[in-house]
Amino acid sequence: MDNHSLIAWLVIGAIAGWLAGTFVRGGGFGLIGDIVVGIIGAFIGGWLAGVLHIHVGTGWISAILTGFVGAALLLIILRAVRRRA
């Protein structure tokens, strides 16, 4: 992985995490929290898209969209678990 790929992952993770945090909870989690949520969400969204045979496309926009969907699902699940605890 070169430096440009790492920077791209961080930027896409930050954007997707911030969007999901804003959509699900009404606010972000700070830069580091948004990046972590966005990157984990990208893995979840990519896995889910593969399981459901959904092809969003290629490029930055589709990566952000996939990360956003995965991050939003992650935050919804975390919110449900926290309410039960």
PDB file of N, CA and C in Angstrom:
ATOM      1  N   MET A   1       0.864  -1.170   0.000  1.00  0.00           N
ATOM      2  CA  MET A   1       0.000   0.000   0.000  1.00  0.00           C
ATOM      3  C   MET A   1       0.910   1.232   0.000  1.00  0.00           C
ATOM      4  N   ASP A   2       0.703   2.108  -0.935  1.00  0.00           N
ATOM      5  CA  ASP A   2       1.518   3.320  -0.982  1.00  0.00           C
ATOM      6  C   ASP A   2       0.854   4.439  -0.180  1.00  0.00           C
ATOM      7  N   ASN A   3       1.553   5.555  -0.072  1.00  0.00           N
ATOM      8  CA  ASN A   3       1.062   6.666   0.750  1.00  0.00           C
ATOM      9  C   ASN A   3      -0.246   7.245   0.222  1.00  0.00           C
ATOM     10  N   HIS A   4      -0.421   7.257  -1.104  1.00  0.00           N
ATOM     11  CA  HIS A   4      -1.651   7.803  -1.675  1.00  0.00           C
ATOM     12  C   HIS A   4      -2.851   6.939  -1.313  1.00  0.00           C
ATOM     13  N   SER A   5      -2.676   5.634  -1.288  1.00  0.00           N
ATOM     14  CA  SER A   5      -3.775   4.740  -0.907  1.00  0.00           C
ATOM     15  C   SER A   5      -4.152   4.932   0.558  1.00  0.00           C
ATOM     16  N   LEU A   6      -3.147   5.074   1.409  1.00  0.00           N
ATOM     17  CA  LEU A   6      -3.413   5.286   2.826  1.00  0.00           C
ATOM     18  C   LEU A   6      -4.149   6.600   3.052  1.00  0.00           C
ATOM     19  N   ILE A   7      -3.730   7.638   2.371  1.00  0.00           N
ATOM     20  CA  ILE A   7      -4.402   8.934   2.484  1.00  0.00           C
ATOM     21  C   ILE A   7      -5.829   8.836   1.966  1.00  0.00           C
ATOM     22  N   ALA A   8      -6.026   8.122   0.870  1.00  0.00           N
ATOM     23  CA  ALA A   8      -7.374   7.952   0.317  1.00  0.00           C
ATOM     24  C   ALA A   8      -8.270   7.221   1.311  1.00  0.00           C
ATOM     25  N   TRP A   9      -7.759   6.150   1.950  1.00  0.00           N
ATOM     26  CA  TRP A   9      -8.535   5.419   2.954  1.00  0.00           C
ATOM     27  C   TRP A   9      -8.927   6.338   4.097  1.00  0.00           C
ATOM     28  N   LEU A  10      -7.996   7.153   4.556  1.00  0.00           N
ATOM     29  CA  LEU A  10      -8.278   8.044   5.668  1.00  0.00           C
ATOM     30  C   LEU A  10      -9.304   9.111   5.305  1.00  0.00           C
ATOM     31  N   VAL A  11      -9.179   9.678   4.111  1.00  0.00           N
ATOM     32  CA  VAL A  11     -10.121  10.715   3.676  1.00  0.00           C
ATOM     33  C   VAL A  11     -11.510  10.125   3.483  1.00  0.00           C
ATOM     34  N   ILE A  12     -11.593   8.991   2.796  1.00  0.00           N
ATOM     35  CA  ILE A  12     -12.886   8.344   2.569  1.00  0.00           C
ATOM     36  C   ILE A  12     -13.498   7.909   3.896  1.00  0.00           C
ATOM     37  N   GLY A  13     -12.675   7.355   4.800  1.00  0.00           N
ATOM     38  CA  GLY A  13     -13.169   6.954   6.114  1.00  0.00           C
ATOM     39  C   GLY A  13     -13.686   8.126   6.913  1.00  0.00           C
ATOM     40  N   ALA A  14     -12.963   9.251   6.864  1.00  0.00           N
ATOM     41  CA  ALA A  14     -13.403  10.438   7.605  1.00  0.00           C
ATOM     42  C   ALA A  14     -14.729  10.968   7.063  1.00  0.00           C
ATOM     43  N   ILE A  15     -14.859  11.033   5.760  1.00  0.00           N
ATOM     44  CA  ILE A  15     -16.096  11.554   5.158  1.00  0.00           C
ATOM     45  C   ILE A  15     -17.266  10.610   5.444  1.00  0.00           C
ATOM     46  N   ALA A  16     -17.058   9.318   5.211  1.00  0.00           N
ATOM     47  CA  ALA A  16     -18.135   8.346   5.432  1.00  0.00           C
ATOM     48  C   ALA A  16     -18.527   8.290   6.904  1.00  0.00           C
ATOM     49  N   GLY A  17     -17.547   8.319   7.797  1.00  0.00           N
ATOM     50  CA  GLY A  17     -17.843   8.290   9.232  1.00  0.00           C
ATOM     51  C   GLY A  17     -18.563   9.534   9.696  1.00  0.00           C
ATOM     52  N   TRP A  18     -18.144  10.690   9.187  1.00  0.00           N
ATOM     53  CA  TRP A  18     -18.815  11.934   9.557  1.00  0.00           C
ATOM     54  C   TRP A  18     -20.261  11.945   9.058  1.00  0.00           C
ATOM     55  N   LEU A  19     -20.466  11.519   7.807  1.00  0.00           N
ATOM     56  CA  LEU A  19     -21.829  11.465   7.260  1.00  0.00           C
ATOM     57  C   LEU A  19     -22.706  10.518   8.080  1.00  0.00           C
ATOM     58  N   ALA A  20     -22.172   9.347   8.409  1.00  0.00           N
ATOM     59  CA  ALA A  20     -22.955   8.384   9.179  1.00  0.00           C
ATOM     60  C   ALA A  20     -23.233   8.909  10.580  1.00  0.00           C
ATOM     61  N   GLY A  21     -22.236   9.528  11.208  1.00  0.00           N
ATOM     62  CA  GLY A  21     -22.439  10.093  12.541  1.00  0.00           C
ATOM     63  C   GLY A  21     -23.478  11.195  12.539  1.00  0.00           C
ATOM     64  N   THR A  22     -23.470  12.001  11.499  1.00  0.00           N
ATOM     65  CA  THR A  22     -24.449  13.070  11.369  1.00  0.00           C
ATOM     66  C   THR A  22     -25.838  12.509  11.105  1.00  0.00           C
ATOM     67  N   PHE A  23     -25.926  11.493  10.281  1.00  0.00           N
ATOM     68  CA  PHE A  23     -27.199  10.902   9.899  1.00  0.00           C
ATOM     69  C   PHE A  23     -27.829  10.114  11.041  1.00  0.00           C
ATOM     70  N   VAL A  24     -27.039   9.331  11.747  1.00  0.00           N
ATOM     71  CA  VAL A  24     -27.570   8.425  12.755  1.00  0.00           C
ATOM     72  C   VAL A  24     -27.699   9.093  14.123  1.00  0.00           C
ATOM     73  N   ARG A  25     -26.704   9.843  14.543  1.00  0.00           N
ATOM     74  CA  ARG A  25     -26.695  10.357  15.902  1.00  0.00           C
ATOM     75  C   ARG A  25     -26.889  11.856  15.983  1.00  0.00           C
ATOM     76  N   GLY A  26     -26.821  12.556  14.877  1.00  0.00           N
ATOM     77  CA  GLY A  26     -26.982  13.994  14.919  1.00  0.00           C
ATOM     78  C   GLY A  26     -25.684  14.754  15.071  1.00  0.00           C
ATOM     79  N   GLY A  27     -24.550  14.088  15.019  1.00  0.00           N
ATOM     80  CA  GLY A  27     -23.266  14.759  15.130  1.00  0.00           C
ATOM     81  C   GLY A  27     -22.136  13.777  14.940  1.00  0.00           C
ATOM     82  N   GLY A  28     -20.956  14.289  14.605  1.00  0.00           N
ATOM     83  CA  GLY A  28     -19.807  13.439  14.376  1.00  0.00           C
ATOM     84  C   GLY A  28     -19.148  13.017  15.678  1.00  0.00           C
ATOM     85  N   PHE A  29     -18.065  12.262  15.561  1.00  0.00           N
ATOM     86  CA  PHE A  29     -17.344  11.730  16.708  1.00  0.00           C
ATOM     87  C   PHE A  29     -15.931  12.275  16.792  1.00  0.00           C
ATOM     88  N   GLY A  30     -15.655  13.384  16.153  1.00  0.00           N
ATOM     89  CA  GLY A  30     -14.295  13.890  16.086  1.00  0.00           C
ATOM     90  C   GLY A  30     -13.573  13.240  14.919  1.00  0.00           C
ATOM     91  N   LEU A  31     -12.452  13.786  14.536  1.00  0.00           N
ATOM     92  CA  LEU A  31     -11.752  13.318  13.343  1.00  0.00           C
ATOM     93  C   LEU A  31     -11.344  11.853  13.455  1.00  0.00           C
ATOM     94  N   ILE A  32     -10.709  11.468  14.531  1.00  0.00           N
ATOM     95  CA  ILE A  32     -10.243  10.085  14.684  1.00  0.00           C
ATOM     96  C   ILE A  32     -11.424   9.118  14.772  1.00  0.00           C
ATOM     97  N   GLY A  33     -12.433   9.470  15.541  1.00  0.00           N
ATOM     98  CA  GLY A  33     -13.614   8.616  15.655  1.00  0.00           C
ATOM     99  C   GLY A  33     -14.331   8.444  14.331  1.00  0.00           C
ATOM    100  N   ASP A  34     -14.450   9.531  13.550  1.00  0.00           N
ATOM    101  CA  ASP A  34     -15.089   9.444  12.242  1.00  0.00           C
ATOM    102  C   ASP A  34     -14.290   8.560  11.290  1.00  0.00           C
ATOM    103  N   ILE A  35     -12.965   8.670  11.335  1.00  0.00           N
ATOM    104  CA  ILE A  35     -12.126   7.840  10.466  1.00  0.00           C
ATOM    105  C   ILE A  35     -12.289   6.371  10.821  1.00  0.00           C
ATOM    106  N   VAL A  36     -12.261   6.054  12.100  1.00  0.00           N
ATOM    107  CA  VAL A  36     -12.397   4.658  12.537  1.00  0.00           C
ATOM    108  C   VAL A  36     -13.761   4.101  12.151  1.00  0.00           C
ATOM    109  N   VAL A  37     -14.808   4.852  12.440  1.00  0.00           N
ATOM    110  CA  VAL A  37     -16.167   4.405  12.089  1.00  0.00           C
ATOM    111  C   VAL A  37     -16.293   4.254  10.571  1.00  0.00           C
ATOM    112  N   GLY A  38     -15.745   5.192   9.816  1.00  0.00           N
ATOM    113  CA  GLY A  38     -15.835   5.135   8.356  1.00  0.00           C
ATOM    114  C   GLY A  38     -15.074   3.966   7.760  1.00  0.00           C
ATOM    115  N   ILE A  39     -13.894   3.671   8.272  1.00  0.00           N
ATOM    116  CA  ILE A  39     -13.109   2.553   7.733  1.00  0.00           C
ATOM    117  C   ILE A  39     -13.766   1.224   8.085  1.00  0.00           C
ATOM    118  N   ILE A  40     -14.205   1.064   9.325  1.00  0.00           N
ATOM    119  CA  ILE A  40     -14.923  -0.165   9.699  1.00  0.00           C
ATOM    120  C   ILE A  40     -16.212  -0.273   8.887  1.00  0.00           C
ATOM    121  N   GLY A  41     -16.892   0.859   8.711  1.00  0.00           N
ATOM    122  CA  GLY A  41     -18.109   0.874   7.899  1.00  0.00           C
ATOM    123  C   GLY A  41     -17.854   0.509   6.455  1.00  0.00           C
ATOM    124  N   ALA A  42     -16.700   0.913   5.924  1.00  0.00           N
ATOM    125  CA  ALA A  42     -16.361   0.559   4.543  1.00  0.00           C
ATOM    126  C   ALA A  42     -16.199  -0.950   4.394  1.00  0.00           C
ATOM    127  N   PHE A  43     -15.583  -1.580   5.381  1.00  0.00           N
ATOM    128  CA  PHE A  43     -15.468  -3.036   5.354  1.00  0.00           C
ATOM    129  C   PHE A  43     -16.844  -3.695   5.435  1.00  0.00           C
ATOM    130  N   ILE A  44     -17.680  -3.217   6.333  1.00  0.00           N
ATOM    131  CA  ILE A  44     -19.028  -3.771   6.482  1.00  0.00           C
ATOM    132  C   ILE A  44     -19.840  -3.538   5.213  1.00  0.00           C
ATOM    133  N   GLY A  45     -19.789  -2.310   4.692  1.00  0.00           N
ATOM    134  CA  GLY A  45     -20.539  -1.996   3.472  1.00  0.00           C
ATOM    135  C   GLY A  45     -20.057  -2.796   2.275  1.00  0.00           C
ATOM    136  N   GLY A  46     -18.739  -2.966   2.148  1.00  0.00           N
ATOM    137  CA  GLY A  46     -18.195  -3.765   1.054  1.00  0.00           C
ATOM    138  C   GLY A  46     -18.588  -5.221   1.160  1.00  0.00           C
ATOM    139  N   TRP A  47     -18.537  -5.759   2.378  1.00  0.00           N
ATOM    140  CA  TRP A  47     -18.951  -7.142   2.588  1.00  0.00           C
ATOM    141  C   TRP A  47     -20.438  -7.312   2.275  1.00  0.00           C
ATOM    142  N   LEU A  48     -21.256  -6.396   2.764  1.00  0.00           N
ATOM    143  CA  LEU A  48     -22.698  -6.479   2.556  1.00  0.00           C
ATOM    144  C   LEU A  48     -23.056  -6.356   1.075  1.00  0.00           C
ATOM    145  N   ALA A  49     -22.373  -5.461   0.379  1.00  0.00           N
ATOM    146  CA  ALA A  49     -22.625  -5.313  -1.059  1.00  0.00           C
ATOM    147  C   ALA A  49     -22.260  -6.595  -1.807  1.00  0.00           C
ATOM    148  N   GLY A  50     -21.181  -7.245  -1.388  1.00  0.00           N
ATOM    149  CA  GLY A  50     -20.794  -8.506  -2.025  1.00  0.00           C
ATOM    150  C   GLY A  50     -21.787  -9.618  -1.758  1.00  0.00           C
ATOM    151  N   VAL A  51     -22.267  -9.692  -0.522  1.00  0.00           N
ATOM    152  CA  VAL A  51     -23.235 -10.732  -0.164  1.00  0.00           C
ATOM    153  C   VAL A  51     -24.547 -10.525  -0.920  1.00  0.00           C
ATOM    154  N   LEU A  52     -24.964  -9.275  -1.043  1.00  0.00           N
ATOM    155  CA  LEU A  52     -26.230  -8.967  -1.726  1.00  0.00           C
ATOM    156  C   LEU A  52     -26.075  -8.791  -3.233  1.00  0.00           C
ATOM    157  N   HIS A  53     -24.862  -8.956  -3.743  1.00  0.00           N
ATOM    158  CA  HIS A  53     -24.556  -8.812  -5.174  1.00  0.00           C
ATOM    159  C   HIS A  53     -24.959  -7.435  -5.710  1.00  0.00           C
ATOM    160  N   ILE A  54     -24.600  -6.409  -4.960  1.00  0.00           N
ATOM    161  CA  ILE A  54     -24.879  -5.030  -5.354  1.00  0.00           C
ATOM    162  C   ILE A  54     -23.576  -4.399  -5.790  1.00  0.00           C
ATOM    163  N   HIS A  55     -23.565  -3.812  -6.981  1.00  0.00           N
ATOM    164  CA  HIS A  55     -22.375  -3.121  -7.470  1.00  0.00           C
ATOM    165  C   HIS A  55     -22.699  -1.634  -7.542  1.00  0.00           C
ATOM    166  N   VAL A  56     -22.067  -0.862  -6.662  1.00  0.00           N
ATOM    167  CA  VAL A  56     -22.344   0.567  -6.590  1.00  0.00           C
ATOM    168  C   VAL A  56     -21.591   1.319  -7.675  1.00  0.00           C
ATOM    169  N   GLY A  57     -20.418   0.848  -8.035  1.00  0.00           N
ATOM    170  CA  GLY A  57     -19.597   1.505  -9.040  1.00  0.00           C
ATOM    171  C   GLY A  57     -18.172   1.602  -8.557  1.00  0.00           C
ATOM    172  N   THR A  58     -17.396   2.439  -9.227  1.00  0.00           N
ATOM    173  CA  THR A  58     -16.006   2.637  -8.845  1.00  0.00           C
ATOM    174  C   THR A  58     -15.764   4.114  -8.595  1.00  0.00           C
ATOM    175  N   GLY A  59     -14.702   4.406  -7.908  1.00  0.00           N
ATOM    176  CA  GLY A  59     -14.344   5.797  -7.662  1.00  0.00           C
ATOM    177  C   GLY A  59     -14.628   6.233  -6.247  1.00  0.00           C
ATOM    178  N   TRP A  60     -14.318   7.492  -5.999  1.00  0.00           N
ATOM    179  CA  TRP A  60     -14.432   8.081  -4.667  1.00  0.00           C
ATOM    180  C   TRP A  60     -15.874   8.112  -4.166  1.00  0.00           C
ATOM    181  N   ILE A  61     -16.799   8.504  -5.024  1.00  0.00           N
ATOM    182  CA  ILE A  61     -18.194   8.646  -4.603  1.00  0.00           C
ATOM    183  C   ILE A  61     -18.774   7.302  -4.180  1.00  0.00           C
ATOM    184  N   SER A  62     -18.517   6.258  -4.958  1.00  0.00           N
ATOM    185  CA  SER A  62     -19.049   4.942  -4.598  1.00  0.00           C
ATOM    186  C   SER A  62     -18.387   4.413  -3.328  1.00  0.00           C
ATOM    187  N   ALA A  63     -17.102   4.698  -3.126  1.00  0.00           N
ATOM    188  CA  ALA A  63     -16.423   4.276  -1.897  1.00  0.00           C
ATOM    189  C   ALA A  63     -17.009   4.996  -0.691  1.00  0.00           C
ATOM    190  N   ILE A  64     -17.281   6.282  -0.821  1.00  0.00           N
ATOM    191  CA  ILE A  64     -17.892   7.037   0.276  1.00  0.00           C
ATOM    192  C   ILE A  64     -19.298   6.522   0.545  1.00  0.00           C
ATOM    193  N   LEU A  65     -20.060   6.248  -0.506  1.00  0.00           N
ATOM    194  CA  LEU A  65     -21.421   5.730  -0.345  1.00  0.00           C
ATOM    195  C   LEU A  65     -21.420   4.371   0.347  1.00  0.00           C
ATOM    196  N   THR A  66     -20.538   3.476  -0.075  1.00  0.00           N
ATOM    197  CA  THR A  66     -20.437   2.161   0.540  1.00  0.00           C
ATOM    198  C   THR A  66     -20.013   2.279   2.001  1.00  0.00           C
ATOM    199  N   GLY A  67     -19.028   3.132   2.264  1.00  0.00           N
ATOM    200  CA  GLY A  67     -18.583   3.354   3.636  1.00  0.00           C
ATOM    201  C   GLY A  67     -19.664   3.965   4.501  1.00  0.00           C
ATOM    202  N   PHE A  68     -20.422   4.888   3.928  1.00  0.00           N
ATOM    203  CA  PHE A  68     -21.519   5.524   4.663  1.00  0.00           C
ATOM    204  C   PHE A  68     -22.577   4.505   5.056  1.00  0.00           C
ATOM    205  N   VAL A  69     -22.977   3.667   4.128  1.00  0.00           N
ATOM    206  CA  VAL A  69     -24.007   2.658   4.423  1.00  0.00           C
ATOM    207  C   VAL A  69     -23.524   1.707   5.510  1.00  0.00           C
ATOM    208  N   GLY A  70     -22.290   1.228   5.365  1.00  0.00           N
ATOM    209  CA  GLY A  70     -21.747   0.328   6.373  1.00  0.00           C
ATOM    210  C   GLY A  70     -21.592   0.992   7.730  1.00  0.00           C
ATOM    211  N   ALA A  71     -21.110   2.232   7.738  1.00  0.00           N
ATOM    212  CA  ALA A  71     -20.923   2.954   9.000  1.00  0.00           C
ATOM    213  C   ALA A  71     -22.267   3.256   9.660  1.00  0.00           C
ATOM    214  N   ALA A  72     -23.274   3.603   8.866  1.00  0.00           N
ATOM    215  CA  ALA A  72     -24.598   3.859   9.423  1.00  0.00           C
ATOM    216  C   ALA A  72     -25.168   2.589  10.051  1.00  0.00           C
ATOM    217  N   LEU A  73     -25.002   1.451   9.374  1.00  0.00           N
ATOM    218  CA  LEU A  73     -25.459   0.183   9.956  1.00  0.00           C
ATOM    219  C   LEU A  73     -24.709  -0.132  11.237  1.00  0.00           C
ATOM    220  N   LEU A  74     -23.408   0.109  11.240  1.00  0.00           N
ATOM    221  CA  LEU A  74     -22.608  -0.111  12.437  1.00  0.00           C
ATOM    222  C   LEU A  74     -23.106   0.743  13.600  1.00  0.00           C
ATOM    223  N   LEU A  75     -23.371   2.011  13.340  1.00  0.00           N
ATOM    224  CA  LEU A  75     -23.831   2.899  14.401  1.00  0.00           C
ATOM    225  C   LEU A  75     -25.228   2.541  14.891  1.00  0.00           C
ATOM    226  N   ILE A  76     -26.094   2.101  13.998  1.00  0.00           N
ATOM    227  CA  ILE A  76     -27.437   1.673  14.400  1.00  0.00           C
ATOM    228  C   ILE A  76     -27.353   0.442  15.301  1.00  0.00           C
ATOM    229  N   ILE A  77     -26.490  -0.506  14.939  1.00  0.00           N
ATOM    230  CA  ILE A  77     -26.323  -1.709  15.762  1.00  0.00           C
ATOM    231  C   ILE A  77     -25.728  -1.344  17.116  1.00  0.00           C
ATOM    232  N   LEU A  78     -24.703  -0.485  17.122  1.00  0.00           N
ATOM    233  CA  LEU A  78     -24.102  -0.060  18.387  1.00  0.00           C
ATOM    234  C   LEU A  78     -25.100   0.668  19.265  1.00  0.00           C
ATOM    235  N   ARG A  79     -25.939   1.480  18.671  1.00  0.00           N
ATOM    236  CA  ARG A  79     -26.960   2.210  19.436  1.00  0.00           C
ATOM    237  C   ARG A  79     -27.955   1.225  20.063  1.00  0.00           C
ATOM    238  N   ALA A  80     -28.355   0.207  19.301  1.00  0.00           N
ATOM    239  CA  ALA A  80     -29.302  -0.788  19.821  1.00  0.00           C
ATOM    240  C   ALA A  80     -28.678  -1.595  20.958  1.00  0.00           C
ATOM    241  N   VAL A  81     -27.407  -1.951  20.842  1.00  0.00           N
ATOM    242  CA  VAL A  81     -26.730  -2.702  21.891  1.00  0.00           C
ATOM    243  C   VAL A  81     -26.574  -1.859  23.144  1.00  0.00           C
ATOM    244  N   ARG A  82     -26.238  -0.602  22.994  1.00  0.00           N
ATOM    245  CA  ARG A  82     -26.083   0.286  24.150  1.00  0.00           C
ATOM    246  C   ARG A  82     -27.390   0.487  24.897  1.00  0.00           C
ATOM    247  N   ARG A  83     -28.495   0.545  24.179  1.00  0.00           N
ATOM    248  CA  ARG A  83     -29.791   0.717  24.840  1.00  0.00           C
ATOM    249  C   ARG A  83     -30.150  -0.485  25.681  1.00  0.00           C
ATOM    250  N   ARG A  84     -29.775  -1.673  25.230  1.00  0.00           N
ATOM    251  CA  ARG A  84     -30.085  -2.885  25.982  1.00  0.00           C
ATOM    252  C   ARG A  84     -29.219  -3.020  27.219  1.00  0.00           C
ATOM    253  N   ALA A  85     -28.010  -2.487  27.159  1.00  0.00           N
ATOM    254  CA  ALA A  85     -27.076  -2.648  28.288  1.00  0.00           C
ATOM    255  C   ALA A  85     -27.364  -1.699  29.418  1.00  0.00           C
TER     256      ALA A  85
END
